[in-house]
Amino acid sequence: MGDPAVDAALKQASDELGLEEWYRDCVRPLLRSGPEGYPGCCGGGCEPCNQILVLVADRTLEILGREKLGE
């Protein structure tokens, strides 16, 4: 657990987009990197796919009104 506002936004975004709770920590590094650090889908059928992680990261940052989180 970190910043309560980030935690709440991540929960909301995950719930909206159907990302299971246990995958939320996979999104946190994307919040710090912003879009320039987002990975693409590798086409390997990963669970979860990077695409859903990126969507959740984008939505979380949108809820927070930020482009990325500071260090």
C-alpha atoms as a PDB file:
ATOM      1  CA  MET A   1       0.000   0.000   0.000  1.00  0.00           C
ATOM      2  CA  GLY A   2       1.200   3.469  -0.835  1.00  0.00           C
ATOM      3  CA  ASP A   3      -0.598   6.716  -1.480  1.00  0.00           C
ATOM      4  CA  PRO A   4      -4.294   6.260  -0.620  1.00  0.00           C
ATOM      5  CA  ALA A   5      -5.382   8.357  -3.631  1.00  0.00           C
ATOM      6  CA  VAL A   6      -3.316   6.193  -6.000  1.00  0.00           C
ATOM      7  CA  ASP A   7      -4.602   3.018  -4.362  1.00  0.00           C
ATOM      8  CA  ALA A   8      -8.219   4.183  -4.732  1.00  0.00           C
ATOM      9  CA  ALA A   9      -7.732   5.236  -8.370  1.00  0.00           C
ATOM     10  CA  LEU A  10      -6.012   1.932  -9.188  1.00  0.00           C
ATOM     11  CA  LYS A  11      -8.848   0.001  -7.544  1.00  0.00           C
ATOM     12  CA  GLN A  12     -11.471   1.984  -9.460  1.00  0.00           C
ATOM     13  CA  ALA A  13      -9.672   1.544 -12.794  1.00  0.00           C
ATOM     14  CA  SER A  14      -9.124  -2.178 -12.164  1.00  0.00           C
ATOM     15  CA  ASP A  15     -12.770  -2.687 -11.262  1.00  0.00           C
ATOM     16  CA  GLU A  16     -13.968  -0.737 -14.310  1.00  0.00           C
ATOM     17  CA  LEU A  17     -11.756  -2.724 -16.688  1.00  0.00           C
ATOM     18  CA  GLY A  18     -12.056  -6.136 -15.038  1.00  0.00           C
ATOM     19  CA  LEU A  19      -8.471  -6.555 -13.847  1.00  0.00           C
ATOM     20  CA  GLU A  20      -8.290  -8.926 -10.884  1.00  0.00           C
ATOM     21  CA  GLU A  21      -7.042  -7.486  -7.603  1.00  0.00           C
ATOM     22  CA  TRP A  22      -3.945  -9.705  -7.474  1.00  0.00           C
ATOM     23  CA  TYR A  23      -2.622  -8.150 -10.718  1.00  0.00           C
ATOM     24  CA  ARG A  24      -2.758  -4.532  -9.514  1.00  0.00           C
ATOM     25  CA  ASP A  25       0.870  -4.504  -8.432  1.00  0.00           C
ATOM     26  CA  CYS A  26       1.817  -5.229 -12.060  1.00  0.00           C
ATOM     27  CA  VAL A  27       0.316  -1.842 -12.988  1.00  0.00           C
ATOM     28  CA  ARG A  28       2.243   0.245 -10.445  1.00  0.00           C
ATOM     29  CA  PRO A  29       5.530   0.449 -12.434  1.00  0.00           C
ATOM     30  CA  LEU A  30       3.548   1.662 -15.453  1.00  0.00           C
ATOM     31  CA  LEU A  31       2.148   4.528 -13.380  1.00  0.00           C
ATOM     32  CA  ARG A  32       5.703   5.760 -12.780  1.00  0.00           C
ATOM     33  CA  SER A  33       6.923   5.321 -16.363  1.00  0.00           C
ATOM     34  CA  GLY A  34       3.919   6.865 -18.087  1.00  0.00           C
ATOM     35  CA  PRO A  35       2.999   6.010 -21.687  1.00  0.00           C
ATOM     36  CA  GLU A  36       6.570   6.180 -22.976  1.00  0.00           C
ATOM     37  CA  GLY A  37       7.440   3.167 -20.829  1.00  0.00           C
ATOM     38  CA  TYR A  38       4.418   1.024 -21.621  1.00  0.00           C
ATOM     39  CA  PRO A  39       5.098  -2.457 -23.014  1.00  0.00           C
ATOM     40  CA  GLY A  40       3.227  -3.787 -26.001  1.00  0.00           C
ATOM     41  CA  CYS A  41       1.372  -7.054 -26.372  1.00  0.00           C
ATOM     42  CA  CYS A  42       3.728  -9.894 -27.312  1.00  0.00           C
ATOM     43  CA  GLY A  43       0.969 -12.055 -28.809  1.00  0.00           C
ATOM     44  CA  GLY A  44       1.846 -14.922 -26.484  1.00  0.00           C
ATOM     45  CA  GLY A  45      -1.518 -15.190 -24.734  1.00  0.00           C
ATOM     46  CA  CYS A  46      -0.170 -13.901 -21.406  1.00  0.00           C
ATOM     47  CA  GLU A  47      -2.477 -13.594 -18.413  1.00  0.00           C
ATOM     48  CA  PRO A  48      -2.895 -10.757 -17.929  1.00  0.00           C
ATOM     49  CA  CYS A  49      -1.996  -9.286 -21.293  1.00  0.00           C
ATOM     50  CA  ASN A  50       0.103  -6.134 -21.236  1.00  0.00           C
ATOM     51  CA  GLN A  51      -2.755  -4.411 -23.086  1.00  0.00           C
ATOM     52  CA  ILE A  52      -5.077  -4.657 -20.053  1.00  0.00           C
ATOM     53  CA  LEU A  53      -2.295  -3.498 -17.735  1.00  0.00           C
ATOM     54  CA  VAL A  54      -1.717  -0.471 -19.978  1.00  0.00           C
ATOM     55  CA  LEU A  55      -5.443   0.294 -20.107  1.00  0.00           C
ATOM     56  CA  VAL A  56      -5.667   0.154 -16.314  1.00  0.00           C
ATOM     57  CA  ALA A  57      -2.578   2.364 -15.977  1.00  0.00           C
ATOM     58  CA  ASP A  58      -4.023   4.923 -18.405  1.00  0.00           C
ATOM     59  CA  ARG A  59      -7.362   4.953 -16.605  1.00  0.00           C
ATOM     60  CA  THR A  60      -5.690   5.254 -13.192  1.00  0.00           C
ATOM     61  CA  LEU A  61      -3.663   8.252 -14.351  1.00  0.00           C
ATOM     62  CA  GLU A  62      -6.787   9.750 -15.938  1.00  0.00           C
ATOM     63  CA  ILE A  63      -8.657   9.445 -12.625  1.00  0.00           C
ATOM     64  CA  LEU A  64      -5.716  11.101 -10.853  1.00  0.00           C
ATOM     65  CA  GLY A  65      -5.460  13.823 -13.510  1.00  0.00           C
ATOM     66  CA  ARG A  66      -1.763  13.111 -14.078  1.00  0.00           C
ATOM     67  CA  GLU A  67       0.488  11.994 -16.938  1.00  0.00           C
ATOM     68  CA  LYS A  68       2.645   9.830 -14.649  1.00  0.00           C
ATOM     69  CA  LEU A  69       3.573   9.504 -10.990  1.00  0.00           C
ATOM     70  CA  GLY A  70       6.741  11.077  -9.631  1.00  0.00           C
ATOM     71  CA  GLU A  71       9.616   9.030  -8.369  1.00  0.00           C
END
